[in-house]
PDB file of N, CA and C in Angstrom:
ATOM      1  N   MET A   1     233.715 -36.014  24.806  1.00  0.00           N
ATOM      2  CA  MET A   1     233.776 -36.688  26.086  1.00  0.00           C
ATOM      3  C   MET A   1     233.320 -35.723  27.184  1.00  0.00           C
ATOM      4  N   LYS A   2     232.484 -36.212  28.077  1.00  0.00           N
ATOM      5  CA  LYS A   2     231.939 -35.373  29.131  1.00  0.00           C
ATOM      6  C   LYS A   2     232.590 -35.707  30.457  1.00  0.00           C
ATOM      7  N   ASN A   3     232.674 -34.702  31.309  1.00  0.00           N
ATOM      8  CA  ASN A   3     233.178 -34.894  32.659  1.00  0.00           C
ATOM      9  C   ASN A   3     232.033 -35.397  33.525  1.00  0.00           C
ATOM     10  N   GLU A   4     232.205 -36.541  34.157  1.00  0.00           N
ATOM     11  CA  GLU A   4     231.193 -37.061  35.066  1.00  0.00           C
ATOM     12  C   GLU A   4     231.510 -36.558  36.474  1.00  0.00           C
ATOM     13  N   PHE A   5     230.700 -35.685  36.961  1.00  0.00           N
ATOM     14  CA  PHE A   5     230.903 -35.109  38.283  1.00  0.00           C
ATOM     15  C   PHE A   5     229.578 -34.563  38.767  1.00  0.00           C
ATOM     16  N   LYS A   6     229.554 -34.159  40.010  1.00  0.00           N
ATOM     17  CA  LYS A   6     228.354 -33.529  40.562  1.00  0.00           C
ATOM     18  C   LYS A   6     228.475 -32.024  40.382  1.00  0.00           C
ATOM     19  N   LEU A   7     227.449 -31.461  39.784  1.00  0.00           N
ATOM     20  CA  LEU A   7     227.408 -30.016  39.589  1.00  0.00           C
ATOM     21  C   LEU A   7     227.236 -29.301  40.927  1.00  0.00           C
ATOM     22  N   LEU A   8     226.429 -29.903  41.814  1.00  0.00           N
ATOM     23  CA  LEU A   8     226.169 -29.318  43.137  1.00  0.00           C
ATOM     24  C   LEU A   8     226.771 -30.186  44.225  1.00  0.00           C
ATOM     25  N   ASN A   9     227.165 -29.550  45.318  1.00  0.00           N
ATOM     26  CA  ASN A   9     227.651 -30.308  46.472  1.00  0.00           C
ATOM     27  C   ASN A   9     226.477 -30.667  47.383  1.00  0.00           C
ATOM     28  N   GLU A  10     226.779 -31.289  48.507  1.00  0.00           N
ATOM     29  CA  GLU A  10     225.730 -31.744  49.429  1.00  0.00           C
ATOM     30  C   GLU A  10     224.935 -30.590  50.045  1.00  0.00           C
ATOM     31  N   ALA A  11     225.490 -29.385  50.026  1.00  0.00           N
ATOM     32  CA  ALA A  11     224.789 -28.206  50.563  1.00  0.00           C
ATOM     33  C   ALA A  11     223.919 -27.532  49.500  1.00  0.00           C
ATOM     34  N   GLY A  12     223.929 -28.069  48.276  1.00  0.00           N
ATOM     35  CA  GLY A  12     223.142 -27.473  47.205  1.00  0.00           C
ATOM     36  C   GLY A  12     223.828 -26.301  46.520  1.00  0.00           C
ATOM     37  N   LEU A  13     225.135 -26.174  46.749  1.00  0.00           N
ATOM     38  CA  LEU A  13     225.919 -25.114  46.121  1.00  0.00           C
ATOM     39  C   LEU A  13     226.756 -25.723  45.000  1.00  0.00           C
ATOM     40  N   ILE A  14     227.170 -24.897  44.065  1.00  0.00           N
ATOM     41  CA  ILE A  14     228.016 -25.362  42.990  1.00  0.00           C
ATOM     42  C   ILE A  14     229.272 -26.014  43.584  1.00  0.00           C
ATOM     43  N   SER A  15     229.653 -27.165  43.062  1.00  0.00           N
ATOM     44  CA  SER A  15     230.788 -27.906  43.613  1.00  0.00           C
ATOM     45  C   SER A  15     232.115 -27.231  43.266  1.00  0.00           C
ATOM     46  N   GLU A  16     233.130 -27.518  44.062  1.00  0.00           N
ATOM     47  CA  GLU A  16     234.462 -26.970  43.801  1.00  0.00           C
ATOM     48  C   GLU A  16     234.985 -27.432  42.446  1.00  0.00           C
ATOM     49  N   GLU A  17     234.720 -28.685  42.094  1.00  0.00           N
ATOM     50  CA  GLU A  17     235.159 -29.210  40.795  1.00  0.00           C
ATOM     51  C   GLU A  17     234.487 -28.447  39.653  1.00  0.00           C
ATOM     52  N   ALA A  18     233.190 -28.202  39.781  1.00  0.00           N
ATOM     53  CA  ALA A  18     232.473 -27.439  38.754  1.00  0.00           C
ATOM     54  C   ALA A  18     233.012 -26.015  38.663  1.00  0.00           C
ATOM     55  N   LEU A  19     233.300 -25.413  39.804  1.00  0.00           N
ATOM     56  CA  LEU A  19     233.866 -24.059  39.797  1.00  0.00           C
ATOM     57  C   LEU A  19     235.177 -24.021  39.023  1.00  0.00           C
ATOM     58  N   GLU A  20     236.031 -25.002  39.259  1.00  0.00           N
ATOM     59  CA  GLU A  20     237.324 -25.031  38.583  1.00  0.00           C
ATOM     60  C   GLU A  20     237.153 -25.256  37.074  1.00  0.00           C
ATOM     61  N   LEU A  21     236.292 -26.192  36.699  1.00  0.00           N
ATOM     62  CA  LEU A  21     236.064 -26.444  35.272  1.00  0.00           C
ATOM     63  C   LEU A  21     235.462 -25.224  34.587  1.00  0.00           C
ATOM     64  N   LEU A  22     234.530 -24.564  35.247  1.00  0.00           N
ATOM     65  CA  LEU A  22     233.932 -23.364  34.662  1.00  0.00           C
ATOM     66  C   LEU A  22     234.933 -22.213  34.617  1.00  0.00           C
ATOM     67  N   ARG A  23     235.801 -22.139  35.616  1.00  0.00           N
ATOM     68  CA  ARG A  23     236.847 -21.113  35.593  1.00  0.00           C
ATOM     69  C   ARG A  23     237.730 -21.306  34.356  1.00  0.00           C
ATOM     70  N   GLN A  24     238.080 -22.545  34.080  1.00  0.00           N
ATOM     71  CA  GLN A  24     238.905 -22.849  32.907  1.00  0.00           C
ATOM     72  C   GLN A  24     238.179 -22.484  31.608  1.00  0.00           C
ATOM     73  N   LYS A  25     236.880 -22.737  31.562  1.00  0.00           N
ATOM     74  CA  LYS A  25     236.101 -22.468  30.354  1.00  0.00           C
ATOM     75  C   LYS A  25     235.697 -21.001  30.231  1.00  0.00           C
ATOM     76  N   SER A  26     235.746 -20.251  31.320  1.00  0.00           N
ATOM     77  CA  SER A  26     235.258 -18.874  31.292  1.00  0.00           C
ATOM     78  C   SER A  26     236.054 -18.003  30.325  1.00  0.00           C
ATOM     79  N   THR A  27     237.266 -18.385  30.017  1.00  0.00           N
ATOM     80  CA  THR A  27     238.063 -17.610  29.069  1.00  0.00           C
ATOM     81  C   THR A  27     237.614 -17.831  27.630  1.00  0.00           C
ATOM     82  N   ASP A  28     236.770 -18.856  27.393  1.00  0.00           N
ATOM     83  CA  ASP A  28     236.251 -19.146  26.047  1.00  0.00           C
ATOM     84  C   ASP A  28     235.103 -18.215  25.663  1.00  0.00           C
ATOM     85  N   VAL A  29     234.564 -17.477  26.633  1.00  0.00           N
ATOM     86  CA  VAL A  29     233.420 -16.594  26.407  1.00  0.00           C
ATOM     87  C   VAL A  29     233.962 -15.196  26.103  1.00  0.00           C
ATOM     88  N   SER A  30     233.328 -14.512  25.150  1.00  0.00           N
ATOM     89  CA  SER A  30     233.844 -13.210  24.721  1.00  0.00           C
ATOM     90  C   SER A  30     233.807 -12.148  25.827  1.00  0.00           C
ATOM     91  N   CYS A  31     232.828 -12.204  26.709  1.00  0.00           N
ATOM     92  CA  CYS A  31     232.808 -11.233  27.814  1.00  0.00           C
ATOM     93  C   CYS A  31     233.431 -11.870  29.049  1.00  0.00           C
ATOM     94  N   GLN A  32     233.691 -11.069  30.043  1.00  0.00           N
ATOM     95  CA  GLN A  32     234.348 -11.560  31.247  1.00  0.00           C
ATOM     96  C   GLN A  32     233.381 -11.798  32.401  1.00  0.00           C
ATOM     97  N   CYS A  33     232.079 -11.757  32.120  1.00  0.00           N
ATOM     98  CA  CYS A  33     231.080 -11.925  33.188  1.00  0.00           C
ATOM     99  C   CYS A  33     231.233 -13.243  33.950  1.00  0.00           C
ATOM    100  N   PRO A  34     231.377 -14.398  33.266  1.00  0.00           N
ATOM    101  CA  PRO A  34     231.524 -15.641  34.036  1.00  0.00           C
ATOM    102  C   PRO A  34     232.717 -15.603  34.989  1.00  0.00           C
ATOM    103  N   GLY A  35     233.837 -15.117  34.524  1.00  0.00           N
ATOM    104  CA  GLY A  35     235.021 -15.031  35.374  1.00  0.00           C
ATOM    105  C   GLY A  35     234.812 -14.110  36.560  1.00  0.00           C
ATOM    106  N   HIS A  36     234.151 -12.990  36.343  1.00  0.00           N
ATOM    107  CA  HIS A  36     233.873 -12.051  37.441  1.00  0.00           C
ATOM    108  C   HIS A  36     232.948 -12.695  38.473  1.00  0.00           C
ATOM    109  N   LEU A  37     231.905 -13.379  38.008  1.00  0.00           N
ATOM    110  CA  LEU A  37     230.986 -14.031  38.941  1.00  0.00           C
ATOM    111  C   LEU A  37     231.708 -15.107  39.756  1.00  0.00           C
ATOM    112  N   LEU A  38     232.585 -15.864  39.117  1.00  0.00           N
ATOM    113  CA  LEU A  38     233.343 -16.890  39.835  1.00  0.00           C
ATOM    114  C   LEU A  38     234.238 -16.262  40.902  1.00  0.00           C
ATOM    115  N   HIS A  39     234.845 -15.142  40.587  1.00  0.00           N
ATOM    116  CA  HIS A  39     235.689 -14.434  41.551  1.00  0.00           C
ATOM    117  C   HIS A  39     234.858 -13.924  42.737  1.00  0.00           C
ATOM    118  N   ILE A  40     233.716 -13.344  42.447  1.00  0.00           N
ATOM    119  CA  ILE A  40     232.828 -12.850  43.506  1.00  0.00           C
ATOM    120  C   ILE A  40     232.374 -14.007  44.394  1.00  0.00           C
ATOM    121  N   TYR A  41     232.032 -15.129  43.770  1.00  0.00           N
ATOM    122  CA  TYR A  41     231.585 -16.302  44.523  1.00  0.00           C
ATOM    123  C   TYR A  41     232.668 -16.764  45.502  1.00  0.00           C
ATOM    124  N   LYS A  42     233.909 -16.849  45.025  1.00  0.00           N
ATOM    125  CA  LYS A  42     235.008 -17.288  45.892  1.00  0.00           C
ATOM    126  C   LYS A  42     235.198 -16.299  47.049  1.00  0.00           C
ATOM    127  N   SER A  43     235.026 -15.013  46.801  1.00  0.00           N
ATOM    128  CA  SER A  43     235.132 -14.010  47.863  1.00  0.00           C
ATOM    129  C   SER A  43     234.036 -14.188  48.903  1.00  0.00           C
ATOM    130  N   ILE A  44     232.830 -14.458  48.445  1.00  0.00           N
ATOM    131  CA  ILE A  44     231.718 -14.673  49.377  1.00  0.00           C
ATOM    132  C   ILE A  44     231.951 -15.946  50.186  1.00  0.00           C
ATOM    133  N   GLN A  45     232.458 -17.003  49.547  1.00  0.00           N
ATOM    134  CA  GLN A  45     232.795 -18.227  50.279  1.00  0.00           C
ATOM    135  C   GLN A  45     233.787 -17.928  51.400  1.00  0.00           C
ATOM    136  N   ALA A  46     234.805 -17.162  51.091  1.00  0.00           N
ATOM    137  CA  ALA A  46     235.823 -16.821  52.087  1.00  0.00           C
ATOM    138  C   ALA A  46     235.211 -16.008  53.228  1.00  0.00           C
ATOM    139  N   PHE A  47     234.304 -15.090  52.900  1.00  0.00           N
ATOM    140  CA  PHE A  47     233.662 -14.279  53.926  1.00  0.00           C
ATOM    141  C   PHE A  47     232.776 -15.145  54.825  1.00  0.00           C
ATOM    142  N   THR A  48     232.051 -16.102  54.241  1.00  0.00           N
ATOM    143  CA  THR A  48     231.216 -17.007  55.033  1.00  0.00           C
ATOM    144  C   THR A  48     232.086 -17.777  56.024  1.00  0.00           C
ATOM    145  N   GLU A  49     233.197 -18.312  55.541  1.00  0.00           N
ATOM    146  CA  GLU A  49     234.109 -19.061  56.410  1.00  0.00           C
ATOM    147  C   GLU A  49     234.690 -18.155  57.496  1.00  0.00           C
ATOM    148  N   TYR A  50     235.023 -16.944  57.131  1.00  0.00           N
ATOM    149  CA  TYR A  50     235.559 -15.980  58.106  1.00  0.00           C
ATOM    150  C   TYR A  50     234.560 -15.763  59.241  1.00  0.00           C
ATOM    151  N   GLN A  51     233.282 -15.647  58.921  1.00  0.00           N
ATOM    152  CA  GLN A  51     232.257 -15.406  59.940  1.00  0.00           C
ATOM    153  C   GLN A  51     232.173 -16.556  60.932  1.00  0.00           C
ATOM    154  N   ARG A  52     232.442 -17.767  60.470  1.00  0.00           N
ATOM    155  CA  ARG A  52     232.388 -18.945  61.357  1.00  0.00           C
ATOM    156  C   ARG A  52     233.485 -18.897  62.417  1.00  0.00           C
ATOM    157  N   ASN A  53     234.539 -18.160  62.143  1.00  0.00           N
ATOM    158  CA  ASN A  53     235.687 -18.129  63.047  1.00  0.00           C
ATOM    159  C   ASN A  53     235.961 -16.741  63.620  1.00  0.00           C
ATOM    160  N   CYS A  54     235.043 -15.823  63.419  1.00  0.00           N
ATOM    161  CA  CYS A  54     235.256 -14.449  63.869  1.00  0.00           C
ATOM    162  C   CYS A  54     235.163 -14.367  65.400  1.00  0.00           C
ATOM    163  N   ILE A  55     235.868 -13.414  65.959  1.00  0.00           N
ATOM    164  CA  ILE A  55     235.893 -13.226  67.417  1.00  0.00           C
ATOM    165  C   ILE A  55     234.543 -12.685  67.885  1.00  0.00           C
ATOM    166  N   ASN A  56     234.021 -13.311  68.929  1.00  0.00           N
ATOM    167  CA  ASN A  56     232.764 -12.873  69.536  1.00  0.00           C
ATOM    168  C   ASN A  56     233.039 -12.454  70.974  1.00  0.00           C
ATOM    169  N   ALA A  57     233.255 -11.162  71.176  1.00  0.00           N
ATOM    170  CA  ALA A  57     233.566 -10.654  72.513  1.00  0.00           C
ATOM    171  C   ALA A  57     232.313 -10.488  73.367  1.00  0.00           C
ATOM    172  N   THR A  58     231.168 -10.314  72.714  1.00  0.00           N
ATOM    173  CA  THR A  58     229.917 -10.113  73.445  1.00  0.00           C
ATOM    174  C   THR A  58     228.821 -10.967  72.807  1.00  0.00           C
ATOM    175  N   PRO A  59     227.717 -11.175  73.513  1.00  0.00           N
ATOM    176  CA  PRO A  59     226.593 -11.891  72.906  1.00  0.00           C
ATOM    177  C   PRO A  59     226.084 -11.194  71.628  1.00  0.00           C
ATOM    178  N   GLN A  60     226.139  -9.867  71.633  1.00  0.00           N
ATOM    179  CA  GLN A  60     225.713  -9.125  70.443  1.00  0.00           C
ATOM    180  C   GLN A  60     226.633  -9.450  69.256  1.00  0.00           C
ATOM    181  N   ASP A  61     227.937  -9.533  69.515  1.00  0.00           N
ATOM    182  CA  ASP A  61     228.877  -9.917  68.451  1.00  0.00           C
ATOM    183  C   ASP A  61     228.493 -11.266  67.857  1.00  0.00           C
ATOM    184  N   GLU A  62     228.179 -12.217  68.728  1.00  0.00           N
ATOM    185  CA  GLU A  62     227.809 -13.555  68.265  1.00  0.00           C
ATOM    186  C   GLU A  62     226.561 -13.506  67.380  1.00  0.00           C
ATOM    187  N   GLN A  63     225.564 -12.739  67.802  1.00  0.00           N
ATOM    188  CA  GLN A  63     224.340 -12.600  66.999  1.00  0.00           C
ATOM    189  C   GLN A  63     224.639 -11.962  65.641  1.00  0.00           C
ATOM    190  N   ILE A  64     225.448 -10.933  65.657  1.00  0.00           N
ATOM    191  CA  ILE A  64     225.790 -10.243  64.411  1.00  0.00           C
ATOM    192  C   ILE A  64     226.519 -11.185  63.467  1.00  0.00           C
ATOM    193  N   HIS A  65     227.491 -11.942  63.985  1.00  0.00           N
ATOM    194  CA  HIS A  65     228.266 -12.835  63.124  1.00  0.00           C
ATOM    195  C   HIS A  65     227.433 -14.002  62.612  1.00  0.00           C
ATOM    196  N   LYS A  66     226.515 -14.488  63.419  1.00  0.00           N
ATOM    197  CA  LYS A  66     225.609 -15.541  62.931  1.00  0.00           C
ATOM    198  C   LYS A  66     224.714 -14.994  61.827  1.00  0.00           C
ATOM    199  N   TRP A  67     224.233 -13.785  62.000  1.00  0.00           N
ATOM    200  CA  TRP A  67     223.415 -13.157  60.964  1.00  0.00           C
ATOM    201  C   TRP A  67     224.235 -12.945  59.690  1.00  0.00           C
ATOM    202  N   LEU A  68     225.454 -12.428  59.831  1.00  0.00           N
ATOM    203  CA  LEU A  68     226.313 -12.221  58.662  1.00  0.00           C
ATOM    204  C   LEU A  68     226.628 -13.540  57.960  1.00  0.00           C
ATOM    205  N   GLU A  69     226.890 -14.586  58.729  1.00  0.00           N
ATOM    206  CA  GLU A  69     227.164 -15.892  58.134  1.00  0.00           C
ATOM    207  C   GLU A  69     225.944 -16.403  57.362  1.00  0.00           C
ATOM    208  N   SER A  70     224.778 -16.279  57.953  1.00  0.00           N
ATOM    209  CA  SER A  70     223.546 -16.717  57.300  1.00  0.00           C
ATOM    210  C   SER A  70     223.285 -15.922  56.021  1.00  0.00           C
ATOM    211  N   THR A  71     223.468 -14.625  56.100  1.00  0.00           N
ATOM    212  CA  THR A  71     223.266 -13.763  54.934  1.00  0.00           C
ATOM    213  C   THR A  71     224.277 -14.094  53.839  1.00  0.00           C
ATOM    214  N   SER A  72     225.508 -14.313  54.220  1.00  0.00           N
ATOM    215  CA  SER A  72     226.552 -14.660  53.266  1.00  0.00           C
ATOM    216  C   SER A  72     226.256 -16.007  52.604  1.00  0.00           C
ATOM    217  N   LEU A  73     225.779 -16.968  53.379  1.00  0.00           N
ATOM    218  CA  LEU A  73     225.424 -18.268  52.825  1.00  0.00           C
ATOM    219  C   LEU A  73     224.269 -18.142  51.828  1.00  0.00           C
ATOM    220  N   ASN A  74     223.309 -17.273  52.129  1.00  0.00           N
ATOM    221  CA  ASN A  74     222.225 -17.006  51.174  1.00  0.00           C
ATOM    222  C   ASN A  74     222.786 -16.437  49.872  1.00  0.00           C
ATOM    223  N   LEU A  75     223.752 -15.524  49.994  1.00  0.00           N
ATOM    224  CA  LEU A  75     224.393 -14.970  48.797  1.00  0.00           C
ATOM    225  C   LEU A  75     225.097 -16.065  47.994  1.00  0.00           C
ATOM    226  N   GLU A  76     225.742 -17.006  48.688  1.00  0.00           N
ATOM    227  CA  GLU A  76     226.389 -18.124  47.995  1.00  0.00           C
ATOM    228  C   GLU A  76     225.372 -18.908  47.173  1.00  0.00           C
ATOM    229  N   HIS A  77     224.201 -19.162  47.752  1.00  0.00           N
ATOM    230  CA  HIS A  77     223.168 -19.917  47.033  1.00  0.00           C
ATOM    231  C   HIS A  77     222.668 -19.145  45.810  1.00  0.00           C
ATOM    232  N   VAL A  78     222.405 -17.865  45.976  1.00  0.00           N
ATOM    233  CA  VAL A  78     221.929 -17.052  44.854  1.00  0.00           C
ATOM    234  C   VAL A  78     222.985 -17.002  43.755  1.00  0.00           C
ATOM    235  N   LEU A  79     224.225 -16.754  44.126  1.00  0.00           N
ATOM    236  CA  LEU A  79     225.286 -16.643  43.133  1.00  0.00           C
ATOM    237  C   LEU A  79     225.604 -17.988  42.493  1.00  0.00           C
ATOM    238  N   SER A  80     225.528 -19.056  43.258  1.00  0.00           N
ATOM    239  CA  SER A  80     225.729 -20.396  42.714  1.00  0.00           C
ATOM    240  C   SER A  80     224.717 -20.659  41.599  1.00  0.00           C
ATOM    241  N   ASN A  81     223.459 -20.350  41.872  1.00  0.00           N
ATOM    242  CA  ASN A  81     222.403 -20.514  40.870  1.00  0.00           C
ATOM    243  C   ASN A  81     222.645 -19.619  39.665  1.00  0.00           C
ATOM    244  N   THR A  82     223.083 -18.401  39.906  1.00  0.00           N
ATOM    245  CA  THR A  82     223.365 -17.451  38.822  1.00  0.00           C
ATOM    246  C   THR A  82     224.483 -17.962  37.925  1.00  0.00           C
ATOM    247  N   ILE A  83     225.549 -18.482  38.524  1.00  0.00           N
ATOM    248  CA  ILE A  83     226.677 -19.009  37.758  1.00  0.00           C
ATOM    249  C   ILE A  83     226.236 -20.191  36.901  1.00  0.00           C
ATOM    250  N   ILE A  84     225.472 -21.102  37.479  1.00  0.00           N
ATOM    251  CA  ILE A  84     225.015 -22.279  36.741  1.00  0.00           C
ATOM    252  C   ILE A  84     224.094 -21.869  35.597  1.00  0.00           C
ATOM    253  N   THR A  85     223.180 -20.960  35.855  1.00  0.00           N
ATOM    254  CA  THR A  85     222.270 -20.498  34.806  1.00  0.00           C
ATOM    255  C   THR A  85     223.033 -19.810  33.682  1.00  0.00           C
ATOM    256  N   LEU A  86     223.974 -18.943  34.028  1.00  0.00           N
ATOM    257  CA  LEU A  86     224.778 -18.278  33.007  1.00  0.00           C
ATOM    258  C   LEU A  86     225.580 -19.299  32.199  1.00  0.00           C
ATOM    259  N   ALA A  87     226.160 -20.284  32.872  1.00  0.00           N
ATOM    260  CA  ALA A  87     226.934 -21.314  32.168  1.00  0.00           C
ATOM    261  C   ALA A  87     226.045 -22.098  31.199  1.00  0.00           C
ATOM    262  N   ARG A  88     224.802 -22.346  31.580  1.00  0.00           N
ATOM    263  CA  ARG A  88     223.860 -23.017  30.660  1.00  0.00           C
ATOM    264  C   ARG A  88     223.553 -22.112  29.468  1.00  0.00           C
ATOM    265  N   LEU A  89     223.275 -20.843  29.739  1.00  0.00           N
ATOM    266  CA  LEU A  89     222.959 -19.899  28.658  1.00  0.00           C
ATOM    267  C   LEU A  89     224.131 -19.731  27.698  1.00  0.00           C
ATOM    268  N   GLU A  90     225.357 -19.817  28.221  1.00  0.00           N
ATOM    269  CA  GLU A  90     226.557 -19.678  27.396  1.00  0.00           C
ATOM    270  C   GLU A  90     226.958 -20.997  26.738  1.00  0.00           C
ATOM    271  N   GLY A  91     226.194 -22.068  27.006  1.00  0.00           N
ATOM    272  CA  GLY A  91     226.481 -23.359  26.394  1.00  0.00           C
ATOM    273  C   GLY A  91     227.603 -24.141  27.062  1.00  0.00           C
ATOM    274  N   MET A  92     227.991 -23.749  28.249  1.00  0.00           N
ATOM    275  CA  MET A  92     229.064 -24.463  28.960  1.00  0.00           C
ATOM    276  C   MET A  92     228.564 -25.714  29.671  1.00  0.00           C
ATOM    277  N   ILE A  93     227.292 -25.720  30.042  1.00  0.00           N
ATOM    278  CA  ILE A  93     226.686 -26.865  30.740  1.00  0.00           C
ATOM    279  C   ILE A  93     225.572 -27.415  29.852  1.00  0.00           C
ATOM    280  N   ASP A  94     225.561 -28.739  29.678  1.00  0.00           N
ATOM    281  CA  ASP A  94     224.555 -29.346  28.809  1.00  0.00           C
ATOM    282  C   ASP A  94     223.286 -29.715  29.585  1.00  0.00           C
ATOM    283  N   GLU A  95     222.350 -30.346  28.888  1.00  0.00           N
ATOM    284  CA  GLU A  95     221.053 -30.701  29.480  1.00  0.00           C
ATOM    285  C   GLU A  95     221.172 -31.778  30.540  1.00  0.00           C
ATOM    286  N   ASN A  96     222.326 -32.473  30.621  1.00  0.00           N
ATOM    287  CA  ASN A  96     222.562 -33.491  31.631  1.00  0.00           C
ATOM    288  C   ASN A  96     223.400 -32.957  32.798  1.00  0.00           C
ATOM    289  N   ASN A  97     223.521 -31.640  32.877  1.00  0.00           N
ATOM    290  CA  ASN A  97     224.299 -30.969  33.921  1.00  0.00           C
ATOM    291  C   ASN A  97     225.766 -31.346  33.899  1.00  0.00           C
ATOM    292  N   GLN A  98     226.282 -31.566  32.707  1.00  0.00           N
ATOM    293  CA  GLN A  98     227.706 -31.855  32.528  1.00  0.00           C
ATOM    294  C   GLN A  98     228.344 -30.673  31.814  1.00  0.00           C
ATOM    295  N   ILE A  99     229.579 -30.401  32.175  1.00  0.00           N
ATOM    296  CA  ILE A  99     230.298 -29.310  31.509  1.00  0.00           C
ATOM    297  C   ILE A  99     230.798 -29.822  30.170  1.00  0.00           C
ATOM    298  N   ARG A 100     230.477 -29.055  29.141  1.00  0.00           N
ATOM    299  CA  ARG A 100     230.881 -29.453  27.781  1.00  0.00           C
ATOM    300  C   ARG A 100     232.385 -29.311  27.609  1.00  0.00           C
ATOM    301  N   GLU A 101     232.913 -30.193  26.817  1.00  0.00           N
ATOM    302  CA  GLU A 101     234.354 -30.142  26.476  1.00  0.00           C
ATOM    303  C   GLU A 101     234.592 -29.045  25.484  1.00  0.00           C
TER     304      GLU A 101
END
């Protein structure tokens, strides 16, 4: 039985549901790389959100935080793709973009 869900969210990033399902399956893989990547991804997500709410005391602060947010969002996209590709290579995601049971 396959889980019917969206692998990507509306922003083109791995969905929260997919992250949770892959987190659960990451313990089935002999190495810990999938779990480490998922942890790094969640940290980058938190940093991106932090930048959206960071204090901007000067115009320069605002520019720096917008740049950091943009850079962090780019990292989310790269890591999202990396996680999905690794999950496919490890057999966790099938050809229909569904997480295998």
